[in-house]
Amino acid sequence: MSATAKGTFTVKLAPQPHVDGVGDAAIGRLSIDKSFEGDLVATSLGQMIAFRSSVEGSANYSAIEKVSGALAGRKGTFVLQHTGVMNRGAASLLITVAPDSGTDALVGLTGKMNITIVEKQHSYEFEYELPDV
């Protein structure tokens, strides 16, 4: 089944120590803690690594988060992979379901998620496919 899920989410990002203990001021690591409402009722936990260039408006991040909850009434978990790039102010973001990461009633889930932030309010639109049961 092909569908679109929409809703809002809250997110908490917390700085984490560098893995190697040395680190670089331009590279940071953060934990992700989200709560989704709407067509996706779930929580997620993950990790983000981000880089900020010395050039204004240029940065990027990569993240992985494990989502646990219900999508269209089907319960399970899946993993989202993020790739975000800001090139001198021009933004691009790709968030996809990691292949074969769905469990339980979400086995076979594929899709892409878009996020929008307006006045600090986060919303999502998740275009996905699930095999018929």
N, C-alpha and C. Protein backbone atom coordinates (compact mmCIF):
# COMPACT_ATOMS: atom_id res chain seq x y z
N MET A 1 0.84 -1.17 0.00
CA MET A 1 0.00 0.00 0.00
C MET A 1 0.88 1.23 0.00
N SER A 2 0.57 2.21 -0.81
CA SER A 2 1.29 3.47 -0.89
C SER A 2 0.45 4.54 -0.20
N ALA A 3 1.09 5.35 0.67
CA ALA A 3 0.33 6.33 1.43
C ALA A 3 1.22 7.49 1.87
N THR A 4 0.58 8.51 2.43
CA THR A 4 1.29 9.65 2.99
C THR A 4 0.80 9.86 4.41
N ALA A 5 1.75 9.94 5.33
CA ALA A 5 1.44 10.22 6.74
C ALA A 5 1.88 11.65 7.04
N LYS A 6 1.07 12.36 7.82
CA LYS A 6 1.39 13.74 8.18
C LYS A 6 1.18 13.94 9.67
N GLY A 7 1.95 14.88 10.22
CA GLY A 7 1.78 15.20 11.63
C GLY A 7 2.86 16.13 12.11
N THR A 8 3.02 16.17 13.42
CA THR A 8 4.02 17.03 14.04
C THR A 8 4.96 16.19 14.90
N PHE A 9 6.06 16.79 15.29
CA PHE A 9 6.97 16.12 16.21
C PHE A 9 7.72 17.13 17.04
N THR A 10 8.16 16.66 18.20
CA THR A 10 9.05 17.45 19.03
C THR A 10 10.39 16.75 19.02
N VAL A 11 11.45 17.53 19.15
CA VAL A 11 12.79 16.94 19.12
C VAL A 11 13.67 17.59 20.19
N LYS A 12 14.46 16.76 20.84
CA LYS A 12 15.46 17.23 21.79
C LYS A 12 16.81 16.76 21.27
N LEU A 13 17.73 17.72 21.07
CA LEU A 13 19.09 17.41 20.67
C LEU A 13 20.00 17.72 21.84
N ALA A 14 20.91 16.82 22.16
CA ALA A 14 21.84 17.04 23.27
C ALA A 14 23.26 16.77 22.81
N PRO A 15 24.17 17.72 23.01
CA PRO A 15 25.58 17.51 22.64
C PRO A 15 26.15 16.29 23.35
N GLN A 16 26.99 15.55 22.64
CA GLN A 16 27.65 14.36 23.17
C GLN A 16 29.16 14.53 23.05
N PRO A 17 29.92 13.84 23.90
CA PRO A 17 31.38 13.95 23.77
C PRO A 17 31.85 13.33 22.46
N HIS A 18 32.98 13.81 21.97
CA HIS A 18 33.56 13.23 20.77
C HIS A 18 33.94 11.79 21.04
N VAL A 19 33.75 10.95 20.05
CA VAL A 19 34.02 9.53 20.20
C VAL A 19 35.49 9.28 20.54
N ASP A 20 36.39 9.99 19.89
CA ASP A 20 37.82 9.75 20.10
C ASP A 20 38.39 10.53 21.28
N GLY A 21 37.56 11.35 21.92
CA GLY A 21 38.01 12.11 23.07
C GLY A 21 38.80 13.36 22.71
N VAL A 22 39.16 13.54 21.45
CA VAL A 22 39.94 14.70 21.04
C VAL A 22 39.00 15.72 20.41
N GLY A 23 38.42 15.38 19.29
CA GLY A 23 37.41 16.22 18.65
C GLY A 23 37.96 17.39 17.88
N ASP A 24 37.03 18.05 17.19
CA ASP A 24 37.31 19.21 16.36
C ASP A 24 36.16 20.17 16.59
N ALA A 25 36.47 21.44 16.82
CA ALA A 25 35.42 22.41 17.13
C ALA A 25 34.37 22.51 16.03
N ALA A 26 34.73 22.20 14.78
CA ALA A 26 33.79 22.30 13.67
C ALA A 26 32.88 21.08 13.54
N ILE A 27 33.21 19.99 14.24
CA ILE A 27 32.44 18.75 14.13
C ILE A 27 31.82 18.45 15.49
N GLY A 28 30.52 18.22 15.50
CA GLY A 28 29.83 17.91 16.74
C GLY A 28 29.03 16.64 16.63
N ARG A 29 28.75 16.05 17.78
CA ARG A 29 27.95 14.83 17.86
C ARG A 29 26.81 15.11 18.83
N LEU A 30 25.59 14.73 18.43
CA LEU A 30 24.42 15.00 19.26
C LEU A 30 23.52 13.78 19.35
N SER A 31 22.84 13.62 20.48
CA SER A 31 21.81 12.59 20.58
C SER A 31 20.49 13.19 20.11
N ILE A 32 19.62 12.33 19.58
CA ILE A 32 18.30 12.74 19.08
C ILE A 32 17.25 12.00 19.90
N ASP A 33 16.23 12.74 20.35
CA ASP A 33 15.12 12.17 21.10
C ASP A 33 13.85 12.84 20.56
N LYS A 34 13.02 12.08 19.82
CA LYS A 34 11.83 12.65 19.18
C LYS A 34 10.56 11.97 19.66
N SER A 35 9.46 12.72 19.53
CA SER A 35 8.13 12.20 19.77
C SER A 35 7.24 12.65 18.61
N PHE A 36 6.66 11.69 17.88
CA PHE A 36 5.82 11.96 16.71
C PHE A 36 4.35 11.87 17.08
N GLU A 37 3.55 12.77 16.50
CA GLU A 37 2.09 12.73 16.64
C GLU A 37 1.48 12.84 15.26
N GLY A 38 0.23 12.40 15.13
CA GLY A 38 -0.45 12.45 13.84
C GLY A 38 -0.63 11.05 13.30
N ASP A 39 -0.36 10.87 12.00
CA ASP A 39 -0.51 9.55 11.37
C ASP A 39 0.57 8.58 11.81
N LEU A 40 1.69 9.09 12.28
CA LEU A 40 2.77 8.30 12.87
C LEU A 40 2.78 8.63 14.36
N VAL A 41 2.47 7.66 15.18
CA VAL A 41 2.48 7.84 16.64
C VAL A 41 3.66 7.02 17.14
N ALA A 42 4.74 7.72 17.49
CA ALA A 42 5.98 7.01 17.78
C ALA A 42 6.96 7.88 18.55
N THR A 43 8.01 7.22 19.02
CA THR A 43 9.16 7.91 19.58
C THR A 43 10.38 7.43 18.82
N SER A 44 11.46 8.21 18.90
CA SER A 44 12.69 7.76 18.27
C SER A 44 13.89 8.22 19.07
N LEU A 45 14.96 7.46 18.95
CA LEU A 45 16.24 7.80 19.54
C LEU A 45 17.29 7.63 18.46
N GLY A 46 18.30 8.51 18.46
CA GLY A 46 19.32 8.41 17.43
C GLY A 46 20.55 9.22 17.73
N GLN A 47 21.43 9.26 16.74
CA GLN A 47 22.71 9.97 16.83
C GLN A 47 22.89 10.81 15.57
N MET A 48 23.46 12.00 15.76
CA MET A 48 23.74 12.91 14.65
C MET A 48 25.20 13.34 14.73
N ILE A 49 25.83 13.43 13.57
CA ILE A 49 27.16 14.04 13.46
C ILE A 49 27.01 15.21 12.52
N ALA A 50 27.49 16.38 12.96
CA ALA A 50 27.30 17.60 12.17
C ALA A 50 28.62 18.34 12.00
N PHE A 51 28.73 19.04 10.87
CA PHE A 51 29.91 19.86 10.56
C PHE A 51 29.45 21.25 10.18
N ARG A 52 30.10 22.27 10.72
CA ARG A 52 29.81 23.65 10.37
C ARG A 52 31.08 24.26 9.77
N SER A 53 30.96 24.75 8.55
CA SER A 53 32.08 25.36 7.84
C SER A 53 32.35 26.75 8.38
N SER A 54 33.52 27.26 8.10
CA SER A 54 33.83 28.65 8.45
C SER A 54 33.14 29.62 7.48
N VAL A 55 32.59 29.10 6.38
CA VAL A 55 31.86 29.92 5.41
C VAL A 55 30.40 30.01 5.88
N GLU A 56 29.89 31.23 6.04
CA GLU A 56 28.52 31.44 6.49
C GLU A 56 27.53 30.68 5.60
N GLY A 57 26.63 29.93 6.26
CA GLY A 57 25.58 29.23 5.53
C GLY A 57 25.98 27.89 4.96
N SER A 58 27.16 27.38 5.32
CA SER A 58 27.59 26.07 4.82
C SER A 58 27.80 25.11 6.00
N ALA A 59 27.10 23.98 5.93
CA ALA A 59 27.18 22.97 6.98
C ALA A 59 26.57 21.68 6.44
N ASN A 60 26.75 20.60 7.18
CA ASN A 60 26.07 19.36 6.83
C ASN A 60 25.92 18.48 8.05
N TYR A 61 24.99 17.49 7.93
CA TYR A 61 24.84 16.52 9.01
C TYR A 61 24.41 15.18 8.44
N SER A 62 24.72 14.15 9.20
CA SER A 62 24.26 12.80 8.94
C SER A 62 23.68 12.28 10.25
N ALA A 63 22.60 11.52 10.16
CA ALA A 63 22.00 11.00 11.38
C ALA A 63 21.30 9.68 11.09
N ILE A 64 21.19 8.88 12.14
CA ILE A 64 20.43 7.63 12.12
C ILE A 64 19.53 7.66 13.35
N GLU A 65 18.24 7.36 13.16
CA GLU A 65 17.34 7.28 14.31
C GLU A 65 16.45 6.06 14.18
N LYS A 66 16.24 5.38 15.31
CA LYS A 66 15.35 4.22 15.34
C LYS A 66 13.99 4.68 15.86
N VAL A 67 12.95 4.46 15.03
CA VAL A 67 11.59 4.89 15.33
C VAL A 67 10.81 3.68 15.84
N SER A 68 10.10 3.86 16.96
CA SER A 68 9.30 2.79 17.56
C SER A 68 7.88 3.30 17.78
N GLY A 69 6.89 2.60 17.20
CA GLY A 69 5.51 3.04 17.39
C GLY A 69 4.57 2.44 16.37
N ALA A 70 3.59 3.25 15.95
CA ALA A 70 2.57 2.77 15.02
C ALA A 70 2.42 3.72 13.85
N LEU A 71 2.37 3.15 12.66
CA LEU A 71 2.16 3.87 11.41
C LEU A 71 0.92 3.26 10.76
N ALA A 72 -0.10 4.06 10.55
CA ALA A 72 -1.37 3.58 9.99
C ALA A 72 -1.90 2.40 10.79
N GLY A 73 -1.72 2.46 12.11
CA GLY A 73 -2.22 1.41 13.00
C GLY A 73 -1.37 0.16 13.05
N ARG A 74 -0.27 0.14 12.29
CA ARG A 74 0.61 -1.03 12.27
C ARG A 74 1.82 -0.75 13.15
N LYS A 75 2.03 -1.60 14.16
CA LYS A 75 3.09 -1.38 15.14
C LYS A 75 4.39 -2.07 14.75
N GLY A 76 5.49 -1.39 15.09
CA GLY A 76 6.80 -1.96 14.85
C GLY A 76 7.86 -0.88 14.98
N THR A 77 9.03 -1.18 14.46
CA THR A 77 10.14 -0.22 14.46
C THR A 77 10.70 -0.12 13.05
N PHE A 78 11.42 0.99 12.80
CA PHE A 78 12.16 1.15 11.56
C PHE A 78 13.22 2.21 11.79
N VAL A 79 14.15 2.30 10.87
CA VAL A 79 15.27 3.24 11.01
C VAL A 79 15.19 4.29 9.91
N LEU A 80 15.38 5.56 10.29
CA LEU A 80 15.47 6.66 9.33
C LEU A 80 16.92 7.11 9.22
N GLN A 81 17.36 7.32 7.98
CA GLN A 81 18.71 7.83 7.70
C GLN A 81 18.57 9.24 7.15
N HIS A 82 19.31 10.20 7.73
CA HIS A 82 19.26 11.61 7.33
C HIS A 82 20.57 12.01 6.65
N THR A 83 20.47 12.80 5.60
CA THR A 83 21.61 13.48 4.99
C THR A 83 21.17 14.91 4.70
N GLY A 84 21.77 15.86 5.42
CA GLY A 84 21.41 17.26 5.26
C GLY A 84 22.62 18.08 4.83
N VAL A 85 22.43 18.94 3.85
CA VAL A 85 23.51 19.79 3.33
C VAL A 85 23.01 21.22 3.22
N MET A 86 23.82 22.15 3.69
CA MET A 86 23.56 23.58 3.51
C MET A 86 24.78 24.13 2.77
N ASN A 87 24.56 24.53 1.52
CA ASN A 87 25.64 25.03 0.67
C ASN A 87 25.45 26.52 0.45
N ARG A 88 26.12 27.32 1.29
CA ARG A 88 26.03 28.78 1.22
C ARG A 88 24.58 29.26 1.25
N GLY A 89 23.81 28.62 2.12
CA GLY A 89 22.42 29.01 2.32
C GLY A 89 21.40 28.19 1.56
N ALA A 90 21.83 27.42 0.57
CA ALA A 90 20.92 26.56 -0.19
C ALA A 90 20.84 25.20 0.50
N ALA A 91 19.65 24.87 1.00
CA ALA A 91 19.49 23.66 1.80
C ALA A 91 18.95 22.49 0.98
N SER A 92 19.44 21.30 1.32
CA SER A 92 18.85 20.07 0.80
C SER A 92 18.83 19.05 1.94
N LEU A 93 17.78 18.25 1.99
CA LEU A 93 17.63 17.27 3.04
C LEU A 93 17.00 16.02 2.46
N LEU A 94 17.59 14.87 2.76
CA LEU A 94 17.07 13.59 2.33
C LEU A 94 16.95 12.70 3.57
N ILE A 95 15.73 12.25 3.86
CA ILE A 95 15.49 11.34 4.97
C ILE A 95 14.78 10.12 4.39
N THR A 96 15.42 8.97 4.50
CA THR A 96 14.86 7.75 3.92
C THR A 96 14.80 6.64 4.96
N VAL A 97 13.90 5.70 4.74
CA VAL A 97 13.84 4.49 5.56
C VAL A 97 15.02 3.61 5.17
N ALA A 98 15.81 3.20 6.15
CA ALA A 98 16.94 2.31 5.88
C ALA A 98 16.38 0.98 5.35
N PRO A 99 17.00 0.46 4.28
CA PRO A 99 16.49 -0.78 3.69
C PRO A 99 16.39 -1.92 4.70
N ASP A 100 15.27 -2.62 4.65
CA ASP A 100 15.01 -3.81 5.48
C ASP A 100 15.12 -3.55 6.97
N SER A 101 14.83 -2.32 7.40
CA SER A 101 14.90 -2.00 8.83
C SER A 101 13.57 -2.17 9.55
N GLY A 102 12.47 -2.34 8.82
CA GLY A 102 11.16 -2.49 9.46
C GLY A 102 11.03 -3.81 10.20
N THR A 103 10.35 -3.76 11.37
CA THR A 103 10.12 -4.97 12.15
C THR A 103 8.62 -5.14 12.39
N ASP A 104 8.25 -6.33 12.85
CA ASP A 104 6.87 -6.65 13.22
C ASP A 104 5.91 -6.29 12.08
N ALA A 105 4.89 -5.48 12.32
CA ALA A 105 3.91 -5.16 11.28
C ALA A 105 4.43 -4.13 10.28
N LEU A 106 5.68 -3.66 10.46
CA LEU A 106 6.28 -2.70 9.52
C LEU A 106 7.38 -3.33 8.66
N VAL A 107 7.45 -4.65 8.63
CA VAL A 107 8.41 -5.33 7.76
C VAL A 107 8.11 -4.95 6.31
N GLY A 108 9.13 -4.59 5.57
CA GLY A 108 8.97 -4.22 4.16
C GLY A 108 8.71 -2.74 3.94
N LEU A 109 8.67 -1.94 5.01
CA LEU A 109 8.43 -0.50 4.89
C LEU A 109 9.54 0.17 4.09
N THR A 110 9.14 1.03 3.15
CA THR A 110 10.07 1.89 2.41
C THR A 110 9.47 3.29 2.40
N GLY A 111 10.31 4.30 2.18
CA GLY A 111 9.75 5.63 2.07
C GLY A 111 10.74 6.74 2.31
N LYS A 112 10.23 7.97 2.14
CA LYS A 112 11.00 9.19 2.36
C LYS A 112 10.18 10.15 3.21
N MET A 113 10.87 10.86 4.09
CA MET A 113 10.21 11.82 4.97
C MET A 113 10.73 13.22 4.69
N ASN A 114 9.82 14.17 4.64
CA ASN A 114 10.17 15.59 4.55
C ASN A 114 9.79 16.24 5.87
N ILE A 115 10.63 17.17 6.33
CA ILE A 115 10.29 17.91 7.53
C ILE A 115 10.22 19.40 7.21
N THR A 116 9.36 20.09 7.93
CA THR A 116 9.19 21.52 7.79
C THR A 116 9.25 22.13 9.19
N ILE A 117 9.96 23.24 9.30
CA ILE A 117 10.04 23.95 10.58
C ILE A 117 9.55 25.38 10.34
N VAL A 118 8.46 25.73 10.98
CA VAL A 118 7.90 27.08 10.86
C VAL A 118 7.71 27.62 12.29
N GLU A 119 8.37 28.72 12.59
CA GLU A 119 8.30 29.34 13.92
C GLU A 119 8.54 28.31 15.02
N LYS A 120 9.59 27.52 14.87
CA LYS A 120 10.04 26.50 15.82
C LYS A 120 9.09 25.32 15.97
N GLN A 121 8.05 25.23 15.13
CA GLN A 121 7.13 24.10 15.13
C GLN A 121 7.56 23.12 14.04
N HIS A 122 7.77 21.86 14.41
CA HIS A 122 8.23 20.83 13.48
C HIS A 122 7.05 20.01 12.98
N SER A 123 6.99 19.80 11.66
CA SER A 123 5.99 18.91 11.09
C SER A 123 6.68 17.98 10.08
N TYR A 124 6.01 16.86 9.79
CA TYR A 124 6.55 15.89 8.84
C TYR A 124 5.50 15.51 7.82
N GLU A 125 5.99 15.09 6.66
CA GLU A 125 5.17 14.45 5.63
C GLU A 125 5.97 13.24 5.20
N PHE A 126 5.40 12.06 5.39
CA PHE A 126 6.10 10.79 5.19
C PHE A 126 5.40 10.03 4.07
N GLU A 127 6.04 9.96 2.91
CA GLU A 127 5.53 9.17 1.79
C GLU A 127 6.13 7.78 1.92
N TYR A 128 5.27 6.77 2.05
CA TYR A 128 5.78 5.43 2.32
C TYR A 128 4.98 4.37 1.59
N GLU A 129 5.57 3.19 1.56
CA GLU A 129 4.89 2.00 1.04
C GLU A 129 5.07 0.87 2.04
N LEU A 130 3.99 0.13 2.24
CA LEU A 130 4.00 -1.06 3.08
C LEU A 130 3.38 -2.19 2.28
N PRO A 131 3.96 -3.38 2.36
CA PRO A 131 3.33 -4.50 1.65
C PRO A 131 1.97 -4.81 2.25
N ASP A 132 1.06 -5.28 1.42
CA ASP A 132 -0.26 -5.70 1.91
C ASP A 132 -0.09 -6.90 2.82
N VAL A 133 -0.91 -6.93 3.86
CA VAL A 133 -0.82 -8.05 4.80
C VAL A 133 -1.75 -9.15 4.37
